[in-house]
Amino acid sequence: MQTLGRDYQHGEHVAHHCHGEDQLIYAASGIMRVSSNSGNYVIPGGHALWVPAGVNHAITMQGQVRMRTLLLEAHIDRCQVIVVSGLLRELILAASHLPDRQDGEHIRALIKHELANAAHLDAFVAMPQHARLRAWCERFLDNPAQDLTLEQCGTQLNLSARSVARLFQREVGMSYGEWRTRARVMLSQQKLAEGKPILTVALEHGYESASAFAAMFKRTLGQAPSDWQLRLLGSSD
């Protein structure tokens, strides 16, 4: 098991790369947006992303990020966002300071046990492979408050609204409206994790009221944004 640790400033970027072993990318603090060929993952503080060996990915930092990484063979078959328990957090931090190989083996066994029982977080935003549409989606992720109709989206892509609708269904398996809603909810977790008021988060992500945002957030993630925020910020105390 190899451990890596580094602190980053807001906006710093780790270019696309991959590893020969499975990688656990843990945000001890701050928020990371991890992009892969299949889509993007939003990783708030106190959570981690499992990345299988050989999967190409890049990381963008939101706020000041304390990243801790483990490289170990766990034979996972897909990327997974997990909630890091208090015990797992201490094990990850301890692993980066243990020079003794035998102790490291015990730590690794405990880490694998905790990972196998960790709760998962739905934080995935699918991205299309179609070059122009993917570039448009990346721009939307940078400014999720924009409220373009399907026709306006088509104008920007020099395509008909019907063609754009077909592209979304073919490339990401959902409609334009469904993808936009999901992207907004996933990205809103970054701001909620920073402790911003829910109304502010709602307005920054294209909603006219806190209630409309809360309804969509709960429909997508199964809990109200106030409960999600309280749980996350409470676990970081």
Protein backbone atom coordinates (compact mmCIF):
# COMPACT_ATOMS: atom_id res chain seq x y z
CA MET A 1 0.00 0.00 0.00
CA GLN A 2 1.35 3.40 -1.00
CA THR A 3 0.17 6.64 0.58
CA LEU A 4 0.35 10.13 -0.88
CA GLY A 5 -0.59 13.44 0.71
CA ARG A 6 -0.66 17.02 -0.49
CA ASP A 7 -2.47 20.27 0.23
CA TYR A 8 -3.85 22.41 -2.61
CA GLN A 9 -5.13 25.95 -3.05
CA HIS A 10 -8.46 26.86 -4.64
CA GLY A 11 -8.44 26.39 -8.41
CA GLU A 12 -5.37 24.17 -8.58
CA HIS A 13 -5.60 21.34 -11.07
CA VAL A 14 -4.09 17.86 -11.33
CA ALA A 15 -3.82 16.92 -15.00
CA HIS A 16 -5.21 13.69 -16.46
CA HIS A 17 -3.33 10.63 -15.28
CA CYS A 18 -3.90 7.05 -14.11
CA HIS A 19 -2.36 4.54 -11.72
CA GLY A 20 -1.47 0.88 -11.92
CA GLU A 21 -3.32 0.22 -8.66
CA ASP A 22 -6.77 1.17 -7.38
CA GLN A 23 -6.69 4.68 -5.93
CA LEU A 24 -8.66 6.08 -3.00
CA ILE A 25 -8.76 9.88 -3.30
CA TYR A 26 -9.80 11.34 0.05
CA ALA A 27 -10.77 14.97 0.65
CA ALA A 28 -9.80 15.54 4.29
CA SER A 29 -11.06 19.09 3.71
CA GLY A 30 -12.24 21.13 0.75
CA ILE A 31 -14.09 19.88 -2.32
CA MET A 32 -12.69 18.14 -5.40
CA ARG A 33 -14.21 17.73 -8.83
CA VAL A 34 -12.82 14.62 -10.46
CA SER A 35 -13.34 14.23 -14.20
CA SER A 36 -13.02 10.99 -16.14
CA ASN A 37 -13.95 9.94 -19.66
CA SER A 38 -17.37 8.78 -18.50
CA GLY A 39 -18.25 11.82 -16.39
CA ASN A 40 -17.56 14.00 -13.38
CA TYR A 41 -17.69 13.33 -9.64
CA VAL A 42 -18.13 15.96 -6.93
CA ILE A 43 -16.23 14.95 -3.77
CA PRO A 44 -17.04 17.07 -0.69
CA GLY A 45 -14.83 17.10 2.38
CA GLY A 46 -15.16 13.94 4.44
CA HIS A 47 -15.76 11.82 1.35
CA ALA A 48 -13.53 9.88 -1.00
CA LEU A 49 -13.55 8.54 -4.54
CA TRP A 50 -12.49 5.02 -5.39
CA VAL A 51 -10.84 5.01 -8.85
CA PRO A 52 -10.07 1.62 -10.43
CA ALA A 53 -6.58 0.94 -11.75
CA GLY A 54 -6.02 2.27 -15.26
CA VAL A 55 -8.88 4.81 -15.23
CA ASN A 56 -7.73 8.17 -16.57
CA HIS A 57 -8.86 11.12 -14.42
CA ALA A 58 -8.11 14.76 -13.55
CA ILE A 59 -8.86 16.72 -10.37
CA THR A 60 -9.86 20.37 -9.85
CA MET A 61 -9.84 21.89 -6.36
CA GLN A 62 -12.67 23.93 -4.87
CA GLY A 63 -11.44 25.87 -1.86
CA GLN A 64 -8.38 24.77 0.09
CA VAL A 65 -8.08 21.00 -0.24
CA ARG A 66 -6.19 18.54 1.94
CA MET A 67 -5.94 15.49 -0.28
CA ARG A 68 -4.82 12.12 1.02
CA THR A 69 -4.44 9.22 -1.38
CA LEU A 70 -4.05 5.48 -0.95
CA LEU A 71 -2.87 3.15 -3.71
CA LEU A 72 -3.77 -0.47 -3.04
CA GLU A 73 -5.21 -3.48 -4.82
CA ALA A 74 -8.90 -3.76 -4.06
CA HIS A 75 -10.09 -4.97 -7.48
CA ILE A 76 -12.99 -2.51 -7.81
CA ASP A 77 -14.68 -2.37 -11.21
CA ARG A 78 -16.01 1.21 -11.30
CA CYS A 79 -15.58 4.60 -9.68
CA GLN A 80 -17.44 4.95 -6.39
CA VAL A 81 -17.92 7.91 -4.04
CA ILE A 82 -17.95 6.82 -0.39
CA VAL A 83 -18.66 8.47 2.95
CA VAL A 84 -15.51 8.30 5.08
CA SER A 85 -16.30 7.27 8.66
CA GLY A 86 -14.39 8.67 11.62
CA LEU A 87 -12.45 5.40 11.95
CA LEU A 88 -11.59 5.25 8.25
CA ARG A 89 -10.44 8.87 8.36
CA GLU A 90 -8.02 8.12 11.20
CA LEU A 91 -6.78 4.98 9.42
CA ILE A 92 -6.08 6.93 6.22
CA LEU A 93 -4.21 9.63 8.11
CA ALA A 94 -2.31 7.03 10.15
CA ALA A 95 -1.31 5.12 7.02
CA SER A 96 0.58 8.16 5.74
CA HIS A 97 2.78 8.21 8.85
CA LEU A 98 3.56 4.54 9.45
CA PRO A 99 7.00 3.43 8.20
CA ASP A 100 6.75 -0.06 9.66
CA ARG A 101 5.73 -2.61 7.00
CA GLN A 102 4.02 -5.00 9.43
CA ASP A 103 1.98 -2.24 11.04
CA GLY A 104 1.12 -1.11 7.55
CA GLU A 105 -0.34 -4.53 6.80
CA HIS A 106 -2.63 -4.30 9.82
CA ILE A 107 -3.71 -0.79 8.84
CA ARG A 108 -4.39 -1.96 5.29
CA ALA A 109 -6.58 -4.82 6.52
CA LEU A 110 -8.60 -2.43 8.66
CA ILE A 111 -8.90 0.06 5.81
CA LYS A 112 -10.21 -2.63 3.45
CA HIS A 113 -12.76 -3.70 6.05
CA GLU A 114 -14.01 -0.13 6.48
CA LEU A 115 -14.12 0.44 2.73
CA ALA A 116 -16.17 -2.70 2.20
CA ASN A 117 -18.79 -1.38 4.65
CA ALA A 118 -18.72 2.32 3.70
CA ALA A 119 -21.89 4.12 2.65
CA HIS A 120 -21.97 5.36 -0.95
CA LEU A 121 -22.87 8.83 -2.19
CA ASP A 122 -24.52 9.48 -5.54
CA ALA A 123 -22.29 12.24 -6.91
CA PHE A 124 -21.88 11.35 -10.60
CA VAL A 125 -22.62 13.58 -13.59
CA ALA A 126 -22.47 11.67 -16.88
CA MET A 127 -20.63 13.41 -19.72
CA PRO A 128 -21.17 12.87 -23.45
CA GLN A 129 -18.44 11.67 -25.80
CA HIS A 130 -19.70 13.88 -28.68
CA ALA A 131 -16.98 16.57 -28.82
CA ARG A 132 -19.11 19.70 -29.24
CA LEU A 133 -21.76 18.60 -26.78
CA ARG A 134 -19.13 17.60 -24.20
CA ALA A 135 -17.48 21.04 -24.51
CA TRP A 136 -20.89 22.67 -24.03
CA CYS A 137 -21.57 20.53 -20.95
CA GLU A 138 -18.19 21.44 -19.47
CA ARG A 139 -19.05 25.13 -19.88
CA PHE A 140 -22.40 24.53 -18.19
CA LEU A 141 -20.68 22.90 -15.21
CA ASP A 142 -18.62 26.08 -14.83
CA ASN A 143 -21.80 28.19 -14.77
CA PRO A 144 -24.77 26.06 -13.67
CA ALA A 145 -27.03 29.09 -13.10
CA GLN A 146 -27.53 29.63 -16.84
CA ASP A 147 -31.10 28.78 -17.84
CA LEU A 148 -31.00 28.00 -21.54
CA THR A 149 -33.89 26.34 -23.34
CA LEU A 150 -33.27 23.34 -25.56
CA GLU A 151 -33.62 25.65 -28.58
CA GLN A 152 -31.01 28.07 -27.21
CA CYS A 153 -28.68 25.18 -26.48
CA GLY A 154 -29.14 24.02 -30.07
CA THR A 155 -28.35 27.49 -31.41
CA GLN A 156 -25.05 27.52 -29.51
CA LEU A 157 -24.20 24.09 -30.92
CA ASN A 158 -25.45 24.95 -34.42
CA LEU A 159 -27.92 22.08 -34.18
CA SER A 160 -31.69 21.80 -34.11
CA ALA A 161 -33.42 21.36 -30.76
CA ARG A 162 -34.51 17.89 -31.88
CA SER A 163 -30.92 16.91 -32.70
CA VAL A 164 -29.72 18.12 -29.28
CA ALA A 165 -32.48 16.15 -27.54
CA ARG A 166 -31.47 13.00 -29.42
CA LEU A 167 -27.80 13.57 -28.59
CA PHE A 168 -28.47 13.84 -24.86
CA GLN A 169 -30.53 10.65 -24.86
CA ARG A 170 -27.92 8.78 -26.88
CA GLU A 171 -24.83 10.08 -25.10
CA VAL A 172 -25.88 10.26 -21.43
CA GLY A 173 -29.12 8.29 -21.32
CA MET A 174 -31.34 11.15 -20.16
CA SER A 175 -33.04 14.26 -21.48
CA TYR A 176 -31.43 17.69 -21.58
CA GLY A 177 -33.61 18.83 -18.68
CA GLU A 178 -32.81 15.75 -16.59
CA TRP A 179 -29.07 16.14 -17.18
CA ARG A 180 -29.15 19.85 -16.33
CA THR A 181 -31.06 19.18 -13.10
CA ARG A 182 -28.70 16.42 -12.03
CA ALA A 183 -25.63 18.53 -12.81
CA ARG A 184 -26.98 21.41 -10.74
CA VAL A 185 -27.78 19.21 -7.74
CA MET A 186 -24.40 17.48 -7.86
CA LEU A 187 -22.50 20.78 -8.13
CA SER A 188 -24.58 22.39 -5.38
CA GLN A 189 -22.96 20.01 -2.91
CA GLN A 190 -19.74 22.02 -3.25
CA LYS A 191 -21.42 25.19 -1.96
CA LEU A 192 -23.45 23.42 0.71
CA ALA A 193 -20.23 21.84 2.01
CA GLU A 194 -18.78 25.35 2.35
CA GLY A 195 -21.68 26.26 4.66
CA LYS A 196 -23.37 28.71 2.29
CA PRO A 197 -27.05 29.53 2.97
CA ILE A 198 -29.44 27.34 1.01
CA LEU A 199 -31.09 30.31 -0.72
CA THR A 200 -27.69 31.50 -1.96
CA VAL A 201 -26.88 28.02 -3.25
CA ALA A 202 -30.27 27.82 -4.96
CA LEU A 203 -29.79 31.12 -6.79
CA GLU A 204 -26.24 30.22 -7.84
CA HIS A 205 -27.55 27.05 -9.45
CA GLY A 206 -30.42 28.43 -11.46
CA TYR A 207 -33.33 28.12 -9.02
CA GLU A 208 -35.65 31.02 -8.20
CA SER A 209 -36.35 29.94 -4.63
CA ALA A 210 -34.90 27.83 -1.84
CA SER A 211 -38.04 25.65 -1.81
CA ALA A 212 -37.77 24.78 -5.51
CA PHE A 213 -34.12 23.86 -5.04
CA ALA A 214 -34.83 21.84 -1.89
CA ALA A 215 -37.56 19.85 -3.65
CA MET A 216 -35.27 18.93 -6.54
CA PHE A 217 -32.34 18.16 -4.23
CA LYS A 218 -34.46 15.78 -2.15
CA ARG A 219 -35.92 14.15 -5.25
CA THR A 220 -32.41 13.49 -6.59
CA LEU A 221 -30.47 12.57 -3.43
CA GLY A 222 -33.24 11.45 -1.12
CA GLN A 223 -32.72 14.06 1.60
CA ALA A 224 -33.28 17.78 2.09
CA PRO A 225 -30.28 20.05 1.46
CA SER A 226 -30.52 21.34 5.04
CA ASP A 227 -30.19 17.78 6.40
CA TRP A 228 -27.35 17.00 3.97
CA GLN A 229 -25.49 20.15 4.97
CA LEU A 230 -26.00 19.57 8.68
CA ARG A 231 -24.76 15.99 8.45
CA LEU A 232 -21.66 16.95 6.47
CA LEU A 233 -20.69 20.00 8.51
CA GLY A 234 -21.47 18.22 11.76
CA SER A 235 -19.18 15.31 10.82
CA SER A 236 -16.30 17.71 10.17
CA ASP A 237 -16.31 19.22 13.69
